N, C-alpha and C. Protein backbone atom coordinates (compact mmCIF):
# COMPACT_ATOMS: atom_id res chain seq x y z
N UNK A 1 19.32 38.84 4.22
CA UNK A 1 18.31 37.78 4.15
C UNK A 1 18.99 36.42 4.27
N UNK A 2 18.54 35.56 5.19
CA UNK A 2 19.11 34.23 5.31
C UNK A 2 18.88 33.41 4.04
N UNK A 3 19.77 32.45 3.80
CA UNK A 3 19.66 31.60 2.62
C UNK A 3 19.70 30.14 3.05
N UNK A 4 18.89 29.31 2.39
CA UNK A 4 18.86 27.87 2.68
C UNK A 4 18.92 27.09 1.37
N UNK A 5 19.65 25.99 1.42
CA UNK A 5 19.83 25.13 0.24
C UNK A 5 19.25 23.75 0.53
N UNK A 6 18.31 23.32 -0.30
CA UNK A 6 17.63 22.03 -0.13
C UNK A 6 18.26 20.98 -1.05
N UNK A 7 18.67 19.85 -0.46
CA UNK A 7 19.20 18.71 -1.20
C UNK A 7 18.06 17.68 -1.33
N UNK A 8 17.52 17.54 -2.53
CA UNK A 8 16.29 16.77 -2.72
C UNK A 8 16.53 15.59 -3.67
N UNK A 9 15.91 14.48 -3.36
CA UNK A 9 16.11 13.24 -4.09
C UNK A 9 15.44 13.23 -5.47
N UNK A 10 16.10 12.57 -6.39
CA UNK A 10 15.51 12.28 -7.69
C UNK A 10 14.95 10.85 -7.74
N UNK A 11 15.11 10.12 -6.64
CA UNK A 11 14.62 8.75 -6.58
C UNK A 11 13.38 8.61 -5.70
N UNK A 12 12.85 9.73 -5.24
CA UNK A 12 11.62 9.68 -4.46
C UNK A 12 11.73 10.37 -3.12
N UNK A 13 11.42 11.67 -3.08
CA UNK A 13 11.38 12.39 -1.80
C UNK A 13 9.97 12.37 -1.25
N UNK A 14 9.87 12.42 0.09
CA UNK A 14 8.54 12.44 0.71
C UNK A 14 8.06 13.88 0.74
N UNK A 15 6.94 14.14 0.09
CA UNK A 15 6.51 15.50 -0.21
C UNK A 15 6.44 16.41 1.02
N UNK A 16 5.75 15.98 2.06
CA UNK A 16 5.55 16.83 3.23
C UNK A 16 6.88 17.21 3.87
N UNK A 17 7.85 16.31 3.84
CA UNK A 17 9.13 16.55 4.50
C UNK A 17 9.97 17.59 3.78
N UNK A 18 9.64 17.85 2.53
CA UNK A 18 10.30 18.92 1.79
C UNK A 18 9.45 20.18 1.78
N UNK A 19 8.17 20.02 1.55
CA UNK A 19 7.28 21.16 1.37
C UNK A 19 7.11 21.97 2.65
N UNK A 20 6.99 21.30 3.80
CA UNK A 20 6.81 22.05 5.05
C UNK A 20 7.99 22.98 5.35
N UNK A 21 9.23 22.46 5.35
CA UNK A 21 10.35 23.38 5.58
C UNK A 21 10.48 24.43 4.47
N UNK A 22 10.27 24.04 3.23
CA UNK A 22 10.45 24.96 2.12
C UNK A 22 9.48 26.13 2.20
N UNK A 23 8.20 25.84 2.42
CA UNK A 23 7.21 26.91 2.46
C UNK A 23 7.32 27.73 3.75
N UNK A 24 7.65 27.07 4.85
CA UNK A 24 7.82 27.79 6.11
C UNK A 24 8.96 28.80 6.01
N UNK A 25 10.07 28.38 5.44
CA UNK A 25 11.21 29.29 5.30
C UNK A 25 10.92 30.42 4.32
N UNK A 26 10.28 30.09 3.21
CA UNK A 26 9.95 31.13 2.25
C UNK A 26 8.99 32.15 2.85
N UNK A 27 8.00 31.68 3.60
CA UNK A 27 7.05 32.59 4.23
C UNK A 27 7.73 33.50 5.25
N UNK A 28 8.86 33.02 5.80
CA UNK A 28 9.61 33.81 6.78
C UNK A 28 10.64 34.72 6.12
N UNK A 29 10.67 34.73 4.79
CA UNK A 29 11.58 35.61 4.08
C UNK A 29 12.94 35.03 3.79
N UNK A 30 13.11 33.73 3.99
CA UNK A 30 14.38 33.08 3.70
C UNK A 30 14.49 32.83 2.20
N UNK A 31 15.66 33.08 1.64
CA UNK A 31 15.94 32.83 0.23
C UNK A 31 16.28 31.35 0.07
N UNK A 32 15.49 30.61 -0.70
CA UNK A 32 15.64 29.16 -0.83
C UNK A 32 16.09 28.78 -2.23
N UNK A 33 17.07 27.91 -2.31
CA UNK A 33 17.47 27.28 -3.56
C UNK A 33 17.39 25.78 -3.40
N UNK A 34 17.29 25.07 -4.53
CA UNK A 34 17.14 23.61 -4.52
C UNK A 34 18.22 22.99 -5.38
N UNK A 35 18.75 21.88 -4.91
CA UNK A 35 19.73 21.12 -5.67
C UNK A 35 19.35 19.64 -5.65
N UNK A 36 19.63 18.95 -6.74
CA UNK A 36 19.38 17.51 -6.86
C UNK A 36 20.66 16.85 -7.37
N UNK A 37 20.77 15.53 -7.28
CA UNK A 37 22.01 14.87 -7.67
C UNK A 37 22.52 15.25 -9.07
N UNK A 38 21.64 15.27 -10.06
CA UNK A 38 22.07 15.55 -11.43
C UNK A 38 21.58 16.88 -11.96
N UNK A 39 20.75 17.58 -11.19
CA UNK A 39 20.18 18.83 -11.66
C UNK A 39 18.83 18.66 -12.32
N UNK A 40 18.35 17.42 -12.43
CA UNK A 40 17.00 17.19 -12.92
C UNK A 40 16.00 17.50 -11.81
N UNK A 41 14.76 17.84 -12.16
CA UNK A 41 13.76 18.11 -11.13
C UNK A 41 13.59 16.92 -10.20
N UNK A 42 13.39 17.17 -8.92
CA UNK A 42 13.22 16.06 -7.97
C UNK A 42 11.97 15.25 -8.29
N UNK A 43 12.01 13.98 -7.88
CA UNK A 43 10.89 13.07 -8.10
C UNK A 43 10.22 12.81 -6.76
N UNK A 44 8.91 12.96 -6.72
CA UNK A 44 8.18 12.77 -5.48
C UNK A 44 7.76 11.32 -5.33
N UNK A 45 7.80 10.82 -4.11
CA UNK A 45 7.29 9.48 -3.81
C UNK A 45 5.77 9.52 -3.95
N UNK A 46 5.24 8.71 -4.82
CA UNK A 46 3.80 8.74 -5.12
C UNK A 46 2.95 8.50 -3.87
N UNK A 47 3.48 7.71 -2.94
CA UNK A 47 2.71 7.45 -1.73
C UNK A 47 2.49 8.73 -0.93
N UNK A 48 3.43 9.68 -1.04
CA UNK A 48 3.37 10.90 -0.23
C UNK A 48 2.42 11.94 -0.80
N UNK A 49 1.85 11.66 -1.98
CA UNK A 49 0.85 12.57 -2.54
C UNK A 49 -0.48 11.85 -2.75
N UNK A 50 -0.60 10.67 -2.17
CA UNK A 50 -1.82 9.87 -2.27
C UNK A 50 -2.80 10.32 -1.18
N UNK A 51 -3.97 10.85 -1.54
CA UNK A 51 -4.92 11.32 -0.53
C UNK A 51 -5.29 10.25 0.49
N UNK A 52 -5.31 8.99 0.07
CA UNK A 52 -5.65 7.92 1.00
C UNK A 52 -4.52 7.67 2.00
N UNK A 53 -3.32 8.07 1.65
CA UNK A 53 -2.15 7.88 2.52
C UNK A 53 -1.94 9.08 3.44
N UNK A 54 -2.09 10.31 2.91
CA UNK A 54 -1.73 11.51 3.67
C UNK A 54 -2.91 12.45 3.93
N UNK A 55 -4.07 12.14 3.38
CA UNK A 55 -5.23 13.02 3.55
C UNK A 55 -5.37 13.96 2.36
N UNK A 56 -6.59 14.34 2.06
CA UNK A 56 -6.86 15.15 0.86
C UNK A 56 -6.22 16.53 0.93
N UNK A 57 -6.31 17.19 2.09
CA UNK A 57 -5.77 18.54 2.20
C UNK A 57 -4.26 18.56 2.01
N UNK A 58 -3.57 17.62 2.69
CA UNK A 58 -2.11 17.56 2.56
C UNK A 58 -1.71 17.22 1.14
N UNK A 59 -2.40 16.25 0.54
CA UNK A 59 -2.08 15.85 -0.82
C UNK A 59 -2.24 17.01 -1.80
N UNK A 60 -3.32 17.74 -1.67
CA UNK A 60 -3.56 18.87 -2.57
C UNK A 60 -2.47 19.94 -2.42
N UNK A 61 -2.11 20.22 -1.17
CA UNK A 61 -1.11 21.26 -0.91
C UNK A 61 0.26 20.86 -1.45
N UNK A 62 0.71 19.66 -1.14
CA UNK A 62 2.06 19.27 -1.54
C UNK A 62 2.17 19.09 -3.05
N UNK A 63 1.12 18.62 -3.68
CA UNK A 63 1.13 18.48 -5.14
C UNK A 63 1.26 19.86 -5.79
N UNK A 64 0.55 20.83 -5.26
CA UNK A 64 0.62 22.19 -5.80
C UNK A 64 2.05 22.73 -5.72
N UNK A 65 2.69 22.55 -4.56
CA UNK A 65 4.06 23.04 -4.39
C UNK A 65 5.02 22.25 -5.28
N UNK A 66 4.86 20.93 -5.31
CA UNK A 66 5.73 20.09 -6.13
C UNK A 66 5.68 20.51 -7.60
N UNK A 67 4.50 20.82 -8.09
CA UNK A 67 4.33 21.12 -9.50
C UNK A 67 4.64 22.57 -9.85
N UNK A 68 4.47 23.48 -8.89
CA UNK A 68 4.50 24.90 -9.25
C UNK A 68 5.59 25.74 -8.58
N UNK A 69 6.25 25.21 -7.54
CA UNK A 69 7.28 26.02 -6.91
C UNK A 69 8.44 26.21 -7.90
N UNK A 70 8.82 27.45 -8.19
CA UNK A 70 9.84 27.67 -9.22
C UNK A 70 11.22 27.14 -8.84
N UNK A 71 11.56 27.19 -7.56
CA UNK A 71 12.88 26.70 -7.14
C UNK A 71 12.94 25.19 -7.16
N UNK A 72 11.86 24.55 -6.74
CA UNK A 72 11.82 23.09 -6.72
C UNK A 72 11.89 22.52 -8.14
N UNK A 73 11.43 23.30 -9.10
CA UNK A 73 11.40 22.82 -10.48
C UNK A 73 12.57 23.33 -11.33
N UNK A 74 13.52 24.01 -10.70
CA UNK A 74 14.68 24.49 -11.44
C UNK A 74 15.94 24.31 -10.60
N UNK A 75 16.27 23.05 -10.26
CA UNK A 75 17.40 22.79 -9.36
C UNK A 75 18.74 22.85 -10.08
N UNK A 76 19.80 22.96 -9.28
CA UNK A 76 21.18 22.84 -9.75
C UNK A 76 21.70 21.45 -9.35
N UNK A 77 22.70 20.93 -10.04
CA UNK A 77 23.30 19.65 -9.62
C UNK A 77 24.04 19.83 -8.29
N UNK A 78 24.08 18.75 -7.49
CA UNK A 78 24.81 18.79 -6.23
C UNK A 78 26.22 19.35 -6.41
N UNK A 79 26.93 18.85 -7.40
CA UNK A 79 28.34 19.20 -7.58
C UNK A 79 28.55 20.64 -8.02
N UNK A 80 27.48 21.31 -8.44
CA UNK A 80 27.62 22.67 -8.96
C UNK A 80 27.33 23.75 -7.93
N UNK A 81 26.87 23.38 -6.75
CA UNK A 81 26.50 24.38 -5.75
C UNK A 81 27.59 24.50 -4.71
N UNK A 82 27.65 25.67 -4.09
CA UNK A 82 28.59 25.93 -3.00
C UNK A 82 27.78 26.14 -1.73
N UNK A 83 27.66 25.09 -0.94
CA UNK A 83 26.81 25.16 0.25
C UNK A 83 27.31 26.17 1.28
N UNK A 84 28.60 26.52 1.20
CA UNK A 84 29.15 27.48 2.17
C UNK A 84 28.56 28.87 1.99
N UNK A 85 27.89 29.11 0.88
CA UNK A 85 27.26 30.41 0.63
C UNK A 85 25.90 30.52 1.32
N UNK A 86 25.47 29.44 1.98
CA UNK A 86 24.14 29.39 2.58
C UNK A 86 24.23 29.33 4.11
N UNK A 87 23.17 29.80 4.75
CA UNK A 87 23.12 29.77 6.21
C UNK A 87 22.64 28.43 6.73
N UNK A 88 21.93 27.68 5.89
CA UNK A 88 21.43 26.36 6.30
C UNK A 88 21.34 25.44 5.11
N UNK A 89 21.54 24.15 5.36
CA UNK A 89 21.29 23.13 4.36
C UNK A 89 20.17 22.23 4.90
N UNK A 90 19.31 21.80 3.99
CA UNK A 90 18.14 21.00 4.37
C UNK A 90 18.11 19.73 3.54
N UNK A 91 17.92 18.60 4.22
CA UNK A 91 17.87 17.30 3.56
C UNK A 91 16.51 16.66 3.85
N UNK A 92 15.51 16.86 2.96
CA UNK A 92 14.22 16.19 3.14
C UNK A 92 14.39 14.68 2.99
N UNK A 93 13.49 13.93 3.62
CA UNK A 93 13.60 12.49 3.58
C UNK A 93 12.81 11.86 2.45
N UNK A 94 12.48 10.60 2.66
CA UNK A 94 11.88 9.77 1.62
C UNK A 94 12.82 8.62 1.34
N UNK A 95 12.26 7.46 1.03
CA UNK A 95 13.11 6.29 0.78
C UNK A 95 14.13 6.55 -0.33
N UNK A 96 13.78 7.42 -1.27
CA UNK A 96 14.69 7.68 -2.38
C UNK A 96 16.07 8.14 -1.96
N UNK A 97 16.16 8.79 -0.80
CA UNK A 97 17.45 9.32 -0.37
C UNK A 97 18.47 8.23 -0.10
N UNK A 98 18.03 7.02 0.20
CA UNK A 98 19.01 5.96 0.49
C UNK A 98 19.74 5.53 -0.76
N UNK A 99 19.19 5.89 -1.93
CA UNK A 99 19.85 5.52 -3.19
C UNK A 99 20.66 6.67 -3.80
N UNK A 100 20.22 7.92 -3.61
CA UNK A 100 20.90 8.96 -4.39
C UNK A 100 21.39 10.18 -3.62
N UNK A 101 21.09 10.28 -2.34
CA UNK A 101 21.51 11.45 -1.57
C UNK A 101 22.52 11.08 -0.49
N UNK A 102 22.19 10.08 0.30
CA UNK A 102 22.91 9.85 1.55
C UNK A 102 24.39 9.50 1.38
N UNK A 103 24.75 8.91 0.26
CA UNK A 103 26.16 8.56 0.06
C UNK A 103 26.84 9.44 -0.99
N UNK A 104 26.16 10.48 -1.42
CA UNK A 104 26.72 11.38 -2.41
C UNK A 104 27.80 12.25 -1.77
N UNK A 105 28.98 12.31 -2.40
CA UNK A 105 30.11 13.01 -1.80
C UNK A 105 29.87 14.52 -1.67
N UNK A 106 29.17 15.11 -2.64
CA UNK A 106 28.89 16.54 -2.56
C UNK A 106 27.90 16.85 -1.45
N UNK A 107 26.90 15.99 -1.30
CA UNK A 107 25.92 16.19 -0.23
C UNK A 107 26.58 16.02 1.13
N UNK A 108 27.43 15.02 1.27
CA UNK A 108 28.11 14.79 2.54
C UNK A 108 29.05 15.95 2.88
N UNK A 109 29.72 16.50 1.88
CA UNK A 109 30.60 17.65 2.10
C UNK A 109 29.80 18.84 2.62
N UNK A 110 28.65 19.08 2.02
CA UNK A 110 27.81 20.20 2.44
C UNK A 110 27.34 20.03 3.89
N UNK A 111 26.96 18.82 4.23
CA UNK A 111 26.51 18.56 5.59
C UNK A 111 27.66 18.73 6.58
N UNK A 112 28.81 18.18 6.23
CA UNK A 112 29.97 18.27 7.11
C UNK A 112 30.35 19.73 7.37
N UNK A 113 30.38 20.54 6.33
CA UNK A 113 30.77 21.94 6.49
C UNK A 113 29.76 22.72 7.30
N UNK A 114 28.47 22.37 7.17
CA UNK A 114 27.43 23.08 7.91
C UNK A 114 27.46 22.75 9.39
N UNK A 115 27.72 21.49 9.71
CA UNK A 115 27.63 21.04 11.10
C UNK A 115 28.95 21.14 11.84
N UNK A 116 30.03 20.80 11.17
CA UNK A 116 31.33 20.77 11.84
C UNK A 116 32.08 22.09 11.76
N UNK A 117 31.66 22.98 10.85
CA UNK A 117 32.33 24.26 10.70
C UNK A 117 31.87 25.28 11.73
N UNK A 118 32.45 26.47 11.65
CA UNK A 118 32.12 27.53 12.59
C UNK A 118 30.75 28.13 12.31
N UNK A 119 30.36 28.15 11.04
CA UNK A 119 29.07 28.72 10.65
C UNK A 119 28.24 27.64 9.96
N UNK A 120 26.94 27.79 10.02
CA UNK A 120 26.09 26.86 9.31
C UNK A 120 25.10 26.15 10.21
N UNK A 121 24.12 25.54 9.58
CA UNK A 121 23.03 24.86 10.27
C UNK A 121 22.48 23.82 9.31
N UNK A 122 22.09 22.67 9.83
CA UNK A 122 21.55 21.62 8.97
C UNK A 122 20.27 21.04 9.57
N UNK A 123 19.28 20.84 8.71
CA UNK A 123 18.07 20.08 9.07
C UNK A 123 18.07 18.82 8.21
N UNK A 124 17.98 17.67 8.87
CA UNK A 124 17.98 16.38 8.18
C UNK A 124 16.75 15.60 8.64
N UNK A 125 15.95 15.12 7.69
CA UNK A 125 14.64 14.56 8.01
C UNK A 125 14.53 13.09 7.57
N UNK A 126 13.98 12.26 8.46
CA UNK A 126 13.51 10.92 8.12
C UNK A 126 14.63 10.04 7.54
N UNK A 127 14.45 9.48 6.34
CA UNK A 127 15.45 8.60 5.76
C UNK A 127 16.73 9.34 5.40
N UNK A 128 16.66 10.64 5.19
CA UNK A 128 17.87 11.40 4.89
C UNK A 128 18.83 11.42 6.07
N UNK A 129 18.33 11.12 7.27
CA UNK A 129 19.21 11.04 8.44
C UNK A 129 20.30 9.98 8.22
N UNK A 130 20.05 9.07 7.31
CA UNK A 130 21.05 8.06 6.98
C UNK A 130 22.35 8.65 6.47
N UNK A 131 22.33 9.87 5.95
CA UNK A 131 23.55 10.50 5.48
C UNK A 131 24.57 10.66 6.60
N UNK A 132 24.08 10.73 7.84
CA UNK A 132 24.98 10.88 8.98
C UNK A 132 25.86 9.65 9.17
N UNK A 133 25.42 8.51 8.67
CA UNK A 133 26.21 7.29 8.80
C UNK A 133 27.34 7.22 7.79
N UNK A 134 27.36 8.15 6.84
CA UNK A 134 28.38 8.13 5.79
C UNK A 134 29.20 9.41 5.74
N UNK A 135 28.96 10.32 6.68
CA UNK A 135 29.65 11.60 6.68
C UNK A 135 30.69 11.65 7.79
N UNK A 136 31.93 11.94 7.40
CA UNK A 136 33.03 11.99 8.36
C UNK A 136 33.58 13.40 8.47
N UNK A 137 34.14 13.70 9.63
CA UNK A 137 34.79 14.99 9.84
C UNK A 137 36.20 14.94 9.23
N UNK A 138 36.91 16.05 9.32
CA UNK A 138 38.25 16.13 8.72
C UNK A 138 39.23 15.14 9.34
N UNK A 139 38.99 14.77 10.60
CA UNK A 139 39.91 13.82 11.25
C UNK A 139 39.52 12.37 11.03
N UNK A 140 38.48 12.14 10.21
CA UNK A 140 38.09 10.79 9.87
C UNK A 140 37.02 10.17 10.74
N UNK A 141 36.63 10.85 11.81
CA UNK A 141 35.57 10.32 12.68
C UNK A 141 34.21 10.61 12.08
N UNK A 142 33.21 9.85 12.51
CA UNK A 142 31.86 10.07 12.01
C UNK A 142 31.28 11.36 12.59
N UNK A 143 30.66 12.14 11.74
CA UNK A 143 30.06 13.40 12.16
C UNK A 143 29.02 13.19 13.25
N UNK A 144 28.31 12.07 13.20
CA UNK A 144 27.22 11.81 14.14
C UNK A 144 27.70 11.22 15.46
N UNK A 145 28.95 10.83 15.54
CA UNK A 145 29.45 10.17 16.74
C UNK A 145 29.26 11.04 17.98
N UNK A 146 28.48 10.53 18.93
CA UNK A 146 28.22 11.25 20.18
C UNK A 146 27.11 12.27 20.11
N UNK A 147 26.48 12.44 18.95
CA UNK A 147 25.40 13.43 18.81
C UNK A 147 24.04 12.78 19.06
N UNK A 148 23.13 13.58 19.59
CA UNK A 148 21.75 13.14 19.80
C UNK A 148 20.97 13.35 18.51
N UNK A 149 20.31 12.29 18.04
CA UNK A 149 19.59 12.37 16.77
C UNK A 149 18.29 11.59 16.84
N UNK A 150 17.39 11.93 15.93
CA UNK A 150 16.19 11.15 15.67
C UNK A 150 16.13 10.89 14.18
N UNK A 151 15.22 10.04 13.74
CA UNK A 151 15.11 9.72 12.32
C UNK A 151 14.13 8.58 12.12
N UNK A 152 14.07 8.07 10.90
CA UNK A 152 13.10 7.02 10.58
C UNK A 152 13.50 5.73 11.29
N UNK A 153 12.65 5.24 12.18
CA UNK A 153 13.04 4.11 13.04
C UNK A 153 12.85 2.74 12.40
N UNK A 154 13.61 1.78 12.90
CA UNK A 154 13.47 0.40 12.44
C UNK A 154 12.06 -0.13 12.62
N UNK A 155 11.40 0.28 13.69
CA UNK A 155 10.05 -0.21 13.96
C UNK A 155 9.09 0.14 12.84
N UNK A 156 9.31 1.28 12.20
CA UNK A 156 8.46 1.68 11.08
C UNK A 156 8.91 1.00 9.79
N UNK A 157 10.22 0.87 9.62
CA UNK A 157 10.73 0.22 8.41
C UNK A 157 10.25 -1.22 8.32
N UNK A 158 10.17 -1.86 9.45
CA UNK A 158 9.76 -3.26 9.50
C UNK A 158 8.34 -3.45 8.97
N UNK A 159 7.53 -2.39 9.05
CA UNK A 159 6.16 -2.47 8.56
C UNK A 159 6.06 -2.20 7.06
N UNK A 160 7.17 -1.80 6.44
CA UNK A 160 7.15 -1.43 5.02
C UNK A 160 7.81 -2.47 4.14
N UNK A 161 9.00 -2.92 4.51
CA UNK A 161 9.72 -3.87 3.66
C UNK A 161 9.34 -5.30 4.00
N UNK A 162 9.59 -6.23 3.06
CA UNK A 162 9.30 -7.63 3.33
C UNK A 162 10.52 -8.30 3.98
N UNK A 163 10.47 -9.60 4.11
CA UNK A 163 11.55 -10.32 4.79
C UNK A 163 12.88 -10.24 4.05
N UNK A 164 12.85 -9.88 2.77
CA UNK A 164 14.08 -9.73 1.98
C UNK A 164 14.45 -8.26 1.79
N UNK A 165 13.88 -7.39 2.62
CA UNK A 165 14.15 -5.95 2.57
C UNK A 165 13.72 -5.31 1.26
N UNK A 166 12.71 -5.88 0.63
CA UNK A 166 12.21 -5.29 -0.60
C UNK A 166 11.06 -4.34 -0.30
N UNK A 167 11.09 -3.20 -0.98
CA UNK A 167 10.05 -2.20 -0.87
C UNK A 167 8.79 -2.68 -1.59
N UNK A 168 7.65 -2.01 -1.33
CA UNK A 168 6.43 -2.38 -2.06
C UNK A 168 6.57 -2.30 -3.57
N UNK A 169 7.48 -1.41 -4.06
CA UNK A 169 7.68 -1.31 -5.50
C UNK A 169 8.71 -2.32 -6.03
N UNK A 170 9.23 -3.19 -5.14
CA UNK A 170 10.15 -4.22 -5.56
C UNK A 170 11.62 -3.90 -5.38
N UNK A 171 11.95 -2.63 -5.12
CA UNK A 171 13.35 -2.27 -4.93
C UNK A 171 13.88 -2.81 -3.61
N UNK A 172 15.14 -3.23 -3.62
CA UNK A 172 15.79 -3.74 -2.41
C UNK A 172 16.34 -2.56 -1.61
N UNK A 173 15.91 -2.45 -0.36
CA UNK A 173 16.42 -1.39 0.51
C UNK A 173 17.85 -1.75 0.92
N UNK A 174 18.84 -0.91 0.61
CA UNK A 174 20.24 -1.29 0.85
C UNK A 174 20.65 -1.25 2.32
N UNK A 175 19.97 -0.47 3.13
CA UNK A 175 20.29 -0.41 4.56
C UNK A 175 19.12 0.24 5.31
N UNK A 176 19.11 0.02 6.62
CA UNK A 176 18.11 0.63 7.47
C UNK A 176 18.77 1.81 8.20
N UNK A 177 18.13 2.95 8.16
CA UNK A 177 18.73 4.19 8.67
C UNK A 177 19.15 4.07 10.13
N UNK A 178 18.27 3.60 10.99
CA UNK A 178 18.59 3.53 12.41
C UNK A 178 19.82 2.68 12.66
N UNK A 179 19.91 1.53 12.01
CA UNK A 179 21.06 0.64 12.21
C UNK A 179 22.37 1.33 11.87
N UNK A 180 22.40 2.02 10.74
CA UNK A 180 23.64 2.63 10.27
C UNK A 180 24.05 3.82 11.13
N UNK A 181 23.08 4.63 11.54
CA UNK A 181 23.41 5.80 12.35
C UNK A 181 23.89 5.39 13.74
N UNK A 182 23.26 4.38 14.30
CA UNK A 182 23.71 3.88 15.61
C UNK A 182 25.11 3.29 15.50
N UNK A 183 25.38 2.56 14.42
CA UNK A 183 26.70 1.97 14.23
C UNK A 183 27.78 3.04 14.08
N UNK A 184 27.39 4.22 13.59
CA UNK A 184 28.35 5.32 13.43
C UNK A 184 28.50 6.14 14.70
N UNK A 185 27.81 5.75 15.78
CA UNK A 185 27.99 6.40 17.07
C UNK A 185 26.92 7.38 17.47
N UNK A 186 25.84 7.48 16.70
CA UNK A 186 24.78 8.41 17.04
C UNK A 186 23.98 7.95 18.25
N UNK A 187 23.57 8.90 19.08
CA UNK A 187 22.69 8.62 20.22
C UNK A 187 21.25 8.72 19.72
N UNK A 188 20.68 7.58 19.38
CA UNK A 188 19.41 7.52 18.65
C UNK A 188 18.23 7.44 19.61
N UNK A 189 17.25 8.31 19.39
CA UNK A 189 15.97 8.21 20.10
C UNK A 189 14.90 8.79 19.20
N UNK A 190 14.10 7.91 18.60
CA UNK A 190 13.03 8.34 17.70
C UNK A 190 11.74 8.67 18.45
N UNK A 191 11.76 8.57 19.76
CA UNK A 191 10.62 8.98 20.60
C UNK A 191 9.31 8.40 20.05
N UNK A 192 9.25 7.10 19.96
CA UNK A 192 8.12 6.44 19.31
C UNK A 192 6.79 6.68 19.99
N UNK A 193 6.80 7.06 21.25
CA UNK A 193 5.55 7.33 21.96
C UNK A 193 5.07 8.76 21.76
N UNK A 194 5.84 9.59 21.08
CA UNK A 194 5.49 10.99 20.88
C UNK A 194 4.90 11.21 19.49
N UNK A 195 4.01 12.20 19.37
CA UNK A 195 3.41 12.50 18.07
C UNK A 195 4.44 13.00 17.07
N UNK A 196 5.43 13.73 17.57
CA UNK A 196 6.48 14.26 16.71
C UNK A 196 7.82 14.10 17.43
N UNK A 197 8.89 14.06 16.65
CA UNK A 197 10.21 13.93 17.22
C UNK A 197 11.19 14.80 16.44
N UNK A 198 11.67 15.86 17.09
CA UNK A 198 12.67 16.76 16.51
C UNK A 198 13.77 16.93 17.54
N UNK A 199 15.01 16.71 17.15
CA UNK A 199 16.15 16.78 18.06
C UNK A 199 17.14 17.83 17.58
N UNK A 200 17.58 18.68 18.49
CA UNK A 200 18.58 19.69 18.17
C UNK A 200 19.85 19.37 18.95
N UNK A 201 20.96 19.22 18.23
CA UNK A 201 22.26 19.00 18.86
C UNK A 201 23.25 19.94 18.18
N UNK A 202 23.49 21.07 18.79
CA UNK A 202 24.36 22.07 18.19
C UNK A 202 23.78 22.59 16.89
N UNK A 203 24.55 22.51 15.81
CA UNK A 203 24.11 22.99 14.50
C UNK A 203 23.34 21.94 13.71
N UNK A 204 23.06 20.80 14.33
CA UNK A 204 22.36 19.71 13.65
C UNK A 204 20.96 19.53 14.21
N UNK A 205 19.97 19.65 13.32
CA UNK A 205 18.56 19.41 13.66
C UNK A 205 18.11 18.19 12.88
N UNK A 206 17.55 17.21 13.57
CA UNK A 206 17.03 16.02 12.90
C UNK A 206 15.56 15.85 13.24
N UNK A 207 14.82 15.24 12.31
CA UNK A 207 13.39 15.03 12.50
C UNK A 207 13.04 13.61 12.08
N UNK A 208 12.06 13.01 12.77
CA UNK A 208 11.76 11.59 12.61
C UNK A 208 11.10 11.25 11.29
N UNK A 209 10.09 12.02 10.87
CA UNK A 209 9.35 11.65 9.67
C UNK A 209 8.32 12.69 9.31
N UNK A 210 7.36 12.36 8.45
CA UNK A 210 6.38 13.34 7.96
C UNK A 210 5.66 14.09 9.07
N UNK A 211 5.24 13.37 10.10
CA UNK A 211 4.51 14.00 11.19
C UNK A 211 5.31 14.98 12.01
N UNK A 212 6.62 14.97 11.81
CA UNK A 212 7.51 15.90 12.52
C UNK A 212 7.94 17.06 11.64
N UNK A 213 7.49 17.09 10.39
CA UNK A 213 7.97 18.07 9.43
C UNK A 213 7.61 19.50 9.82
N UNK A 214 6.39 19.70 10.28
CA UNK A 214 5.97 21.05 10.63
C UNK A 214 6.76 21.59 11.81
N UNK A 215 6.92 20.77 12.85
CA UNK A 215 7.71 21.19 14.01
C UNK A 215 9.16 21.44 13.61
N UNK A 216 9.71 20.58 12.78
CA UNK A 216 11.09 20.75 12.33
C UNK A 216 11.26 22.05 11.56
N UNK A 217 10.28 22.36 10.72
CA UNK A 217 10.33 23.60 9.96
C UNK A 217 10.33 24.82 10.88
N UNK A 218 9.52 24.77 11.92
CA UNK A 218 9.46 25.88 12.86
C UNK A 218 10.77 26.01 13.64
N UNK A 219 11.35 24.87 14.01
CA UNK A 219 12.64 24.88 14.73
C UNK A 219 13.72 25.50 13.84
N UNK A 220 13.76 25.09 12.59
CA UNK A 220 14.78 25.62 11.68
C UNK A 220 14.59 27.12 11.47
N UNK A 221 13.36 27.55 11.28
CA UNK A 221 13.10 28.98 11.12
C UNK A 221 13.57 29.75 12.34
N UNK A 222 13.27 29.23 13.53
CA UNK A 222 13.67 29.89 14.77
C UNK A 222 15.18 29.95 14.89
N UNK A 223 15.86 28.84 14.53
CA UNK A 223 17.32 28.80 14.61
C UNK A 223 17.95 29.83 13.66
N UNK A 224 17.35 30.02 12.48
CA UNK A 224 17.88 30.98 11.53
C UNK A 224 17.65 32.41 11.98
N UNK A 225 16.60 32.63 12.77
CA UNK A 225 16.29 33.98 13.24
C UNK A 225 17.15 34.39 14.43
N UNK A 226 17.72 33.39 15.15
CA UNK A 226 18.54 33.72 16.34
C UNK A 226 19.86 34.39 15.94
């Protein structure tokens, strides 16, 4: 049975970006475990469970999974897991990842081993794509250098933060994902004219945002079945 390990934020993950891959993989018979930075249960971004923001059906579904999924509610700390024991690592997005996931050394190690090693597969979604700007290979080069990727675009970020890069909740956004990934050598295309954007480059699968979560989940399931 394939195994997948989810690295989920304690500072605010976007519900659909975690729930779609998690439930899709579980329904396909994949063994799923969850890890968070400190081992505390992940914290959901309230906007991602707001019916006015995501629709009543989506809100009801993701809230149910967030509150009742046994793996999501019983995570291990990042530093306590061995990602090499898994066939895939998954990094759901959400603004929270820019504070507690993307620069975490254990998370970066797991991503590096999955993508740069002989075995492994990684799905990275939305703001979590920013981890690619901080992950280096063994020779010191950026893991994303020369790779085709998608992720949360500047055009969307500009509609969320104010002129001082402050979020609606007042937190200062430390960096913009697209800027950092491009600076690290990634070939960025968020396909803004498309309804969804999922990019596969070798063992690395990236997805633009919530609307791409379902397609990304199907791609990951298919990759694990090959």
